[in-house]
Amino acid sequence: MVLSERSLKALAGVHPDLVRVVHQAALGSPFPFIVTEGLRTIERQRELFAKKLSRTMKSRHLTGHAIDFVPVVDGEVTWKTPAFHVVIAAFKKAASEIGVAVVSGGDWPSFRDYPHLELDRKVFP
């Protein structure tokens, strides 16, 4: 899969290792996906936090260490969890292949944020 113009724009300012993971995942993901957001300004983060669309003001998006994405199934964006699992698996496989440590928001124990992928804080503080 070739990343869309929207995805490429959303990757501007994102850490190069995470960009490599996204490009590698695009080649192997059974479902296409759209990167909806990468690097955020503090103003954007404040807006999302105020609307309760983010739970922190210390988001990894502020440093370019995170992306949000959405799967596309049969040409349509979907928010259904099974599609996220498929794309998350492609991200994890891609990250493993190129040696970049990532964490999926879908793996968080207290709040599952399936559209979120970030570089592992232990390796990328």
N, C-alpha and C. Protein backbone atom coordinates (compact mmCIF):
# COMPACT_ATOMS: atom_id res chain seq x y z
N MET A 1 0.84 -1.18 0.00
CA MET A 1 0.00 0.00 0.00
C MET A 1 0.88 1.24 0.00
N VAL A 2 0.50 2.19 -0.78
CA VAL A 2 1.18 3.48 -0.80
C VAL A 2 0.41 4.40 0.16
N LEU A 3 1.14 5.11 1.00
CA LEU A 3 0.48 6.01 1.94
C LEU A 3 -0.17 7.17 1.20
N SER A 4 -1.32 7.57 1.68
CA SER A 4 -2.05 8.69 1.08
C SER A 4 -1.35 10.01 1.36
N GLU A 5 -1.70 11.01 0.60
CA GLU A 5 -1.17 12.35 0.81
C GLU A 5 -1.50 12.83 2.23
N ARG A 6 -2.70 12.53 2.69
CA ARG A 6 -3.09 12.90 4.05
C ARG A 6 -2.16 12.26 5.09
N SER A 7 -1.88 10.97 4.91
CA SER A 7 -0.98 10.28 5.83
C SER A 7 0.42 10.88 5.80
N LEU A 8 0.92 11.15 4.60
CA LEU A 8 2.26 11.74 4.48
C LEU A 8 2.33 13.10 5.17
N LYS A 9 1.30 13.90 5.02
CA LYS A 9 1.26 15.21 5.70
C LYS A 9 1.23 15.03 7.21
N ALA A 10 0.46 14.05 7.68
CA ALA A 10 0.35 13.80 9.12
C ALA A 10 1.68 13.32 9.70
N LEU A 11 2.55 12.76 8.88
CA LEU A 11 3.84 12.27 9.36
C LEU A 11 4.91 13.36 9.43
N ALA A 12 4.60 14.55 8.95
CA ALA A 12 5.57 15.66 9.02
C ALA A 12 5.89 15.95 10.48
N GLY A 13 7.17 15.94 10.80
CA GLY A 13 7.62 16.23 12.16
C GLY A 13 7.65 15.04 13.09
N VAL A 14 7.19 13.88 12.61
CA VAL A 14 7.20 12.66 13.42
C VAL A 14 8.62 12.08 13.40
N HIS A 15 9.02 11.48 14.52
CA HIS A 15 10.35 10.89 14.65
C HIS A 15 10.62 9.96 13.46
N PRO A 16 11.80 10.06 12.86
CA PRO A 16 12.10 9.25 11.67
C PRO A 16 11.95 7.74 11.88
N ASP A 17 12.25 7.23 13.06
CA ASP A 17 12.10 5.80 13.29
C ASP A 17 10.63 5.37 13.25
N LEU A 18 9.75 6.21 13.76
CA LEU A 18 8.32 5.89 13.71
C LEU A 18 7.81 6.01 12.28
N VAL A 19 8.32 6.97 11.54
CA VAL A 19 7.94 7.09 10.12
C VAL A 19 8.36 5.83 9.36
N ARG A 20 9.54 5.31 9.66
CA ARG A 20 9.98 4.07 9.00
C ARG A 20 9.05 2.91 9.32
N VAL A 21 8.61 2.84 10.58
CA VAL A 21 7.67 1.77 10.97
C VAL A 21 6.38 1.90 10.18
N VAL A 22 5.86 3.11 10.06
CA VAL A 22 4.61 3.33 9.32
C VAL A 22 4.75 2.90 7.87
N HIS A 23 5.84 3.30 7.24
CA HIS A 23 6.04 2.92 5.82
C HIS A 23 6.19 1.40 5.67
N GLN A 24 6.91 0.77 6.57
CA GLN A 24 7.07 -0.69 6.51
C GLN A 24 5.73 -1.39 6.74
N ALA A 25 4.96 -0.89 7.70
CA ALA A 25 3.65 -1.50 7.98
C ALA A 25 2.72 -1.36 6.78
N ALA A 26 2.80 -0.24 6.09
CA ALA A 26 1.95 -0.03 4.92
C ALA A 26 2.19 -1.09 3.85
N LEU A 27 3.42 -1.57 3.78
CA LEU A 27 3.75 -2.60 2.79
C LEU A 27 3.15 -3.96 3.14
N GLY A 28 2.95 -4.23 4.44
CA GLY A 28 2.51 -5.55 4.84
C GLY A 28 1.14 -5.65 5.48
N SER A 29 0.48 -4.53 5.68
CA SER A 29 -0.81 -4.58 6.35
C SER A 29 -1.91 -5.11 5.42
N PRO A 30 -2.70 -6.07 5.90
CA PRO A 30 -3.82 -6.57 5.09
C PRO A 30 -4.86 -5.48 4.81
N PHE A 31 -4.99 -4.53 5.72
CA PHE A 31 -5.91 -3.40 5.52
C PHE A 31 -5.10 -2.13 5.34
N PRO A 32 -5.47 -1.31 4.38
CA PRO A 32 -4.85 0.01 4.32
C PRO A 32 -5.22 0.80 5.57
N PHE A 33 -4.50 1.86 5.83
CA PHE A 33 -4.80 2.71 6.97
C PHE A 33 -4.45 4.15 6.62
N ILE A 34 -5.00 5.07 7.38
CA ILE A 34 -4.72 6.49 7.22
C ILE A 34 -4.10 6.97 8.52
N VAL A 35 -2.97 7.64 8.42
CA VAL A 35 -2.39 8.30 9.59
C VAL A 35 -3.16 9.61 9.72
N THR A 36 -3.89 9.75 10.82
CA THR A 36 -4.75 10.93 11.00
C THR A 36 -4.06 12.06 11.72
N GLU A 37 -3.08 11.71 12.56
CA GLU A 37 -2.39 12.76 13.29
C GLU A 37 -1.03 12.26 13.76
N GLY A 38 -0.07 13.16 13.73
CA GLY A 38 1.27 12.87 14.22
C GLY A 38 1.66 13.93 15.23
N LEU A 39 2.62 14.76 14.85
CA LEU A 39 3.09 15.83 15.72
C LEU A 39 1.97 16.83 15.99
N ARG A 40 1.79 17.16 17.28
CA ARG A 40 0.77 18.13 17.68
C ARG A 40 1.41 19.35 18.31
N THR A 41 0.74 20.47 18.14
CA THR A 41 1.13 21.68 18.86
C THR A 41 0.54 21.60 20.26
N ILE A 42 1.08 22.38 21.16
CA ILE A 42 0.53 22.42 22.51
C ILE A 42 -0.91 22.94 22.48
N GLU A 43 -1.20 23.84 21.56
CA GLU A 43 -2.57 24.36 21.44
C GLU A 43 -3.54 23.25 21.05
N ARG A 44 -3.14 22.42 20.10
CA ARG A 44 -3.99 21.30 19.67
C ARG A 44 -4.18 20.32 20.84
N GLN A 45 -3.12 20.06 21.58
CA GLN A 45 -3.22 19.14 22.71
C GLN A 45 -4.17 19.70 23.77
N ARG A 46 -4.07 20.99 24.04
CA ARG A 46 -4.98 21.62 25.01
C ARG A 46 -6.44 21.46 24.57
N GLU A 47 -6.67 21.66 23.28
CA GLU A 47 -8.02 21.54 22.71
C GLU A 47 -8.55 20.12 22.90
N LEU A 48 -7.75 19.12 22.56
CA LEU A 48 -8.17 17.73 22.70
C LEU A 48 -8.38 17.36 24.17
N PHE A 49 -7.52 17.86 25.04
CA PHE A 49 -7.64 17.59 26.47
C PHE A 49 -8.92 18.21 27.02
N ALA A 50 -9.21 19.44 26.62
CA ALA A 50 -10.41 20.14 27.08
C ALA A 50 -11.68 19.42 26.63
N LYS A 51 -11.64 18.82 25.45
CA LYS A 51 -12.79 18.08 24.92
C LYS A 51 -12.82 16.64 25.42
N LYS A 52 -11.86 16.29 26.29
CA LYS A 52 -11.73 14.93 26.83
C LYS A 52 -11.45 13.89 25.73
N LEU A 53 -10.82 14.36 24.66
CA LEU A 53 -10.41 13.45 23.59
C LEU A 53 -8.97 12.99 23.79
N SER A 54 -8.31 13.56 24.79
CA SER A 54 -7.00 13.11 25.24
C SER A 54 -7.03 13.15 26.75
N ARG A 55 -6.29 12.24 27.35
CA ARG A 55 -6.29 12.16 28.82
C ARG A 55 -5.07 12.80 29.46
N THR A 56 -4.20 13.39 28.64
CA THR A 56 -2.96 13.94 29.19
C THR A 56 -2.52 15.19 28.45
N MET A 57 -1.77 16.01 29.15
CA MET A 57 -1.10 17.13 28.51
C MET A 57 0.36 16.77 28.23
N LYS A 58 0.74 15.53 28.52
CA LYS A 58 2.11 15.06 28.28
C LYS A 58 2.13 14.04 27.15
N SER A 59 1.31 14.27 26.15
CA SER A 59 1.18 13.34 25.03
C SER A 59 2.50 13.18 24.27
N ARG A 60 2.74 11.98 23.81
CA ARG A 60 3.90 11.71 22.96
C ARG A 60 3.75 12.38 21.59
N HIS A 61 2.54 12.81 21.26
CA HIS A 61 2.33 13.55 20.01
C HIS A 61 3.07 14.89 20.04
N LEU A 62 3.24 15.46 21.22
CA LEU A 62 3.89 16.77 21.34
C LEU A 62 5.36 16.74 20.94
N THR A 63 5.96 15.58 20.99
CA THR A 63 7.38 15.44 20.64
C THR A 63 7.59 14.69 19.32
N GLY A 64 6.50 14.33 18.66
CA GLY A 64 6.61 13.58 17.42
C GLY A 64 6.90 12.11 17.62
N HIS A 65 6.62 11.60 18.82
CA HIS A 65 6.87 10.21 19.14
C HIS A 65 5.62 9.34 19.05
N ALA A 66 4.53 9.87 18.49
CA ALA A 66 3.28 9.11 18.40
C ALA A 66 2.51 9.49 17.15
N ILE A 67 1.70 8.54 16.71
CA ILE A 67 0.75 8.78 15.62
C ILE A 67 -0.61 8.23 16.03
N ASP A 68 -1.63 8.73 15.37
CA ASP A 68 -2.96 8.14 15.42
C ASP A 68 -3.29 7.70 14.00
N PHE A 69 -4.05 6.63 13.90
CA PHE A 69 -4.38 6.08 12.58
C PHE A 69 -5.77 5.48 12.61
N VAL A 70 -6.29 5.20 11.44
CA VAL A 70 -7.58 4.53 11.32
C VAL A 70 -7.50 3.54 10.16
N PRO A 71 -8.00 2.32 10.36
CA PRO A 71 -8.02 1.33 9.27
C PRO A 71 -9.06 1.68 8.20
N VAL A 72 -8.82 1.17 7.01
CA VAL A 72 -9.76 1.31 5.90
C VAL A 72 -10.10 -0.11 5.44
N VAL A 73 -11.38 -0.44 5.48
CA VAL A 73 -11.84 -1.77 5.09
C VAL A 73 -12.86 -1.61 3.97
N ASP A 74 -12.62 -2.29 2.87
CA ASP A 74 -13.50 -2.19 1.69
C ASP A 74 -13.72 -0.74 1.27
N GLY A 75 -12.64 0.05 1.34
CA GLY A 75 -12.68 1.44 0.89
C GLY A 75 -13.29 2.42 1.87
N GLU A 76 -13.68 1.94 3.06
CA GLU A 76 -14.32 2.80 4.06
C GLU A 76 -13.53 2.80 5.36
N VAL A 77 -13.41 3.98 5.94
CA VAL A 77 -12.82 4.09 7.27
C VAL A 77 -13.69 3.32 8.24
N THR A 78 -13.06 2.59 9.16
CA THR A 78 -13.82 1.85 10.16
C THR A 78 -13.23 2.09 11.54
N TRP A 79 -14.09 2.12 12.54
CA TRP A 79 -13.67 2.27 13.93
C TRP A 79 -13.90 0.96 14.69
N LYS A 80 -14.11 -0.12 13.97
CA LYS A 80 -14.36 -1.42 14.60
C LYS A 80 -13.04 -2.02 15.09
N THR A 81 -13.06 -2.48 16.33
CA THR A 81 -11.86 -2.98 16.99
C THR A 81 -11.14 -4.08 16.22
N PRO A 82 -11.82 -5.07 15.63
CA PRO A 82 -11.07 -6.12 14.93
C PRO A 82 -10.16 -5.57 13.82
N ALA A 83 -10.59 -4.56 13.12
CA ALA A 83 -9.75 -3.97 12.06
C ALA A 83 -8.51 -3.32 12.66
N PHE A 84 -8.68 -2.69 13.81
CA PHE A 84 -7.52 -2.09 14.49
C PHE A 84 -6.51 -3.17 14.87
N HIS A 85 -6.99 -4.31 15.35
CA HIS A 85 -6.08 -5.40 15.73
C HIS A 85 -5.22 -5.84 14.55
N VAL A 86 -5.81 -5.90 13.37
CA VAL A 86 -5.08 -6.31 12.17
C VAL A 86 -3.98 -5.30 11.84
N VAL A 87 -4.30 -4.02 11.87
CA VAL A 87 -3.32 -3.00 11.53
C VAL A 87 -2.26 -2.88 12.63
N ILE A 88 -2.67 -2.99 13.88
CA ILE A 88 -1.70 -2.96 14.99
C ILE A 88 -0.69 -4.11 14.82
N ALA A 89 -1.17 -5.27 14.45
CA ALA A 89 -0.27 -6.41 14.23
C ALA A 89 0.73 -6.09 13.11
N ALA A 90 0.28 -5.41 12.07
CA ALA A 90 1.19 -5.02 10.98
C ALA A 90 2.23 -4.01 11.47
N PHE A 91 1.82 -3.08 12.32
CA PHE A 91 2.77 -2.12 12.90
C PHE A 91 3.81 -2.84 13.75
N LYS A 92 3.36 -3.76 14.59
CA LYS A 92 4.28 -4.48 15.47
C LYS A 92 5.25 -5.35 14.66
N LYS A 93 4.75 -6.00 13.63
CA LYS A 93 5.62 -6.82 12.77
C LYS A 93 6.66 -5.95 12.08
N ALA A 94 6.20 -4.82 11.54
CA ALA A 94 7.12 -3.90 10.86
C ALA A 94 8.18 -3.38 11.82
N ALA A 95 7.75 -3.00 13.02
CA ALA A 95 8.68 -2.48 14.02
C ALA A 95 9.73 -3.54 14.38
N SER A 96 9.29 -4.76 14.53
CA SER A 96 10.21 -5.85 14.85
C SER A 96 11.20 -6.08 13.71
N GLU A 97 10.72 -6.04 12.49
CA GLU A 97 11.57 -6.27 11.32
C GLU A 97 12.69 -5.23 11.21
N ILE A 98 12.39 -3.99 11.59
CA ILE A 98 13.41 -2.94 11.43
C ILE A 98 14.06 -2.55 12.76
N GLY A 99 13.68 -3.23 13.83
CA GLY A 99 14.33 -3.03 15.11
C GLY A 99 13.97 -1.74 15.83
N VAL A 100 12.71 -1.36 15.77
CA VAL A 100 12.23 -0.16 16.45
C VAL A 100 11.17 -0.58 17.47
N ALA A 101 11.36 -0.14 18.71
CA ALA A 101 10.43 -0.51 19.78
C ALA A 101 9.22 0.42 19.78
N VAL A 102 8.02 -0.17 19.64
CA VAL A 102 6.78 0.61 19.65
C VAL A 102 5.82 0.04 20.69
N VAL A 103 4.87 0.87 21.07
CA VAL A 103 3.81 0.48 21.99
C VAL A 103 2.49 0.91 21.38
N SER A 104 1.54 0.00 21.39
CA SER A 104 0.20 0.29 20.88
C SER A 104 -0.68 0.73 22.04
N GLY A 105 -1.46 1.79 21.81
CA GLY A 105 -2.46 2.20 22.80
C GLY A 105 -3.49 1.11 23.03
N GLY A 106 -3.62 0.19 22.09
CA GLY A 106 -4.53 -0.93 22.24
C GLY A 106 -4.08 -1.94 23.29
N ASP A 107 -2.82 -1.83 23.71
CA ASP A 107 -2.28 -2.73 24.73
C ASP A 107 -2.30 -2.12 26.13
N TRP A 108 -2.68 -0.87 26.25
CA TRP A 108 -2.68 -0.23 27.56
C TRP A 108 -3.73 -0.89 28.45
N PRO A 109 -3.38 -1.17 29.70
CA PRO A 109 -4.30 -1.89 30.58
C PRO A 109 -5.51 -1.08 31.07
N SER A 110 -5.33 0.21 31.28
CA SER A 110 -6.44 0.97 31.89
C SER A 110 -7.32 1.68 30.88
N PHE A 111 -6.79 1.98 29.72
CA PHE A 111 -7.53 2.72 28.70
C PHE A 111 -7.04 2.27 27.34
N ARG A 112 -7.86 1.57 26.62
CA ARG A 112 -7.47 1.06 25.30
C ARG A 112 -7.67 2.16 24.26
N ASP A 113 -6.57 2.63 23.71
CA ASP A 113 -6.60 3.69 22.70
C ASP A 113 -6.12 3.08 21.39
N TYR A 114 -7.00 2.31 20.76
CA TYR A 114 -6.63 1.53 19.58
C TYR A 114 -6.03 2.35 18.44
N PRO A 115 -6.47 3.58 18.19
CA PRO A 115 -5.89 4.33 17.08
C PRO A 115 -4.49 4.89 17.35
N HIS A 116 -3.91 4.63 18.52
CA HIS A 116 -2.65 5.26 18.93
C HIS A 116 -1.48 4.29 18.86
N LEU A 117 -0.35 4.77 18.30
CA LEU A 117 0.89 4.02 18.27
C LEU A 117 2.01 4.99 18.63
N GLU A 118 2.90 4.56 19.51
CA GLU A 118 4.01 5.43 19.90
C GLU A 118 5.30 4.66 20.02
N LEU A 119 6.40 5.41 19.95
CA LEU A 119 7.71 4.82 20.21
C LEU A 119 7.78 4.51 21.70
N ASP A 120 8.38 3.39 22.03
CA ASP A 120 8.48 2.95 23.42
C ASP A 120 9.31 3.95 24.23
N ARG A 121 8.73 4.44 25.31
CA ARG A 121 9.40 5.43 26.18
C ARG A 121 10.70 4.91 26.76
N LYS A 122 10.80 3.61 26.97
CA LYS A 122 12.03 3.03 27.54
C LYS A 122 13.22 3.18 26.60
N VAL A 123 12.94 3.20 25.31
CA VAL A 123 14.00 3.29 24.31
C VAL A 123 14.10 4.71 23.75
N PHE A 124 12.96 5.37 23.66
CA PHE A 124 12.88 6.73 23.11
C PHE A 124 12.26 7.65 24.16
N PRO A 125 13.07 8.09 25.14
CA PRO A 125 12.49 8.92 26.22
C PRO A 125 11.98 10.28 25.73
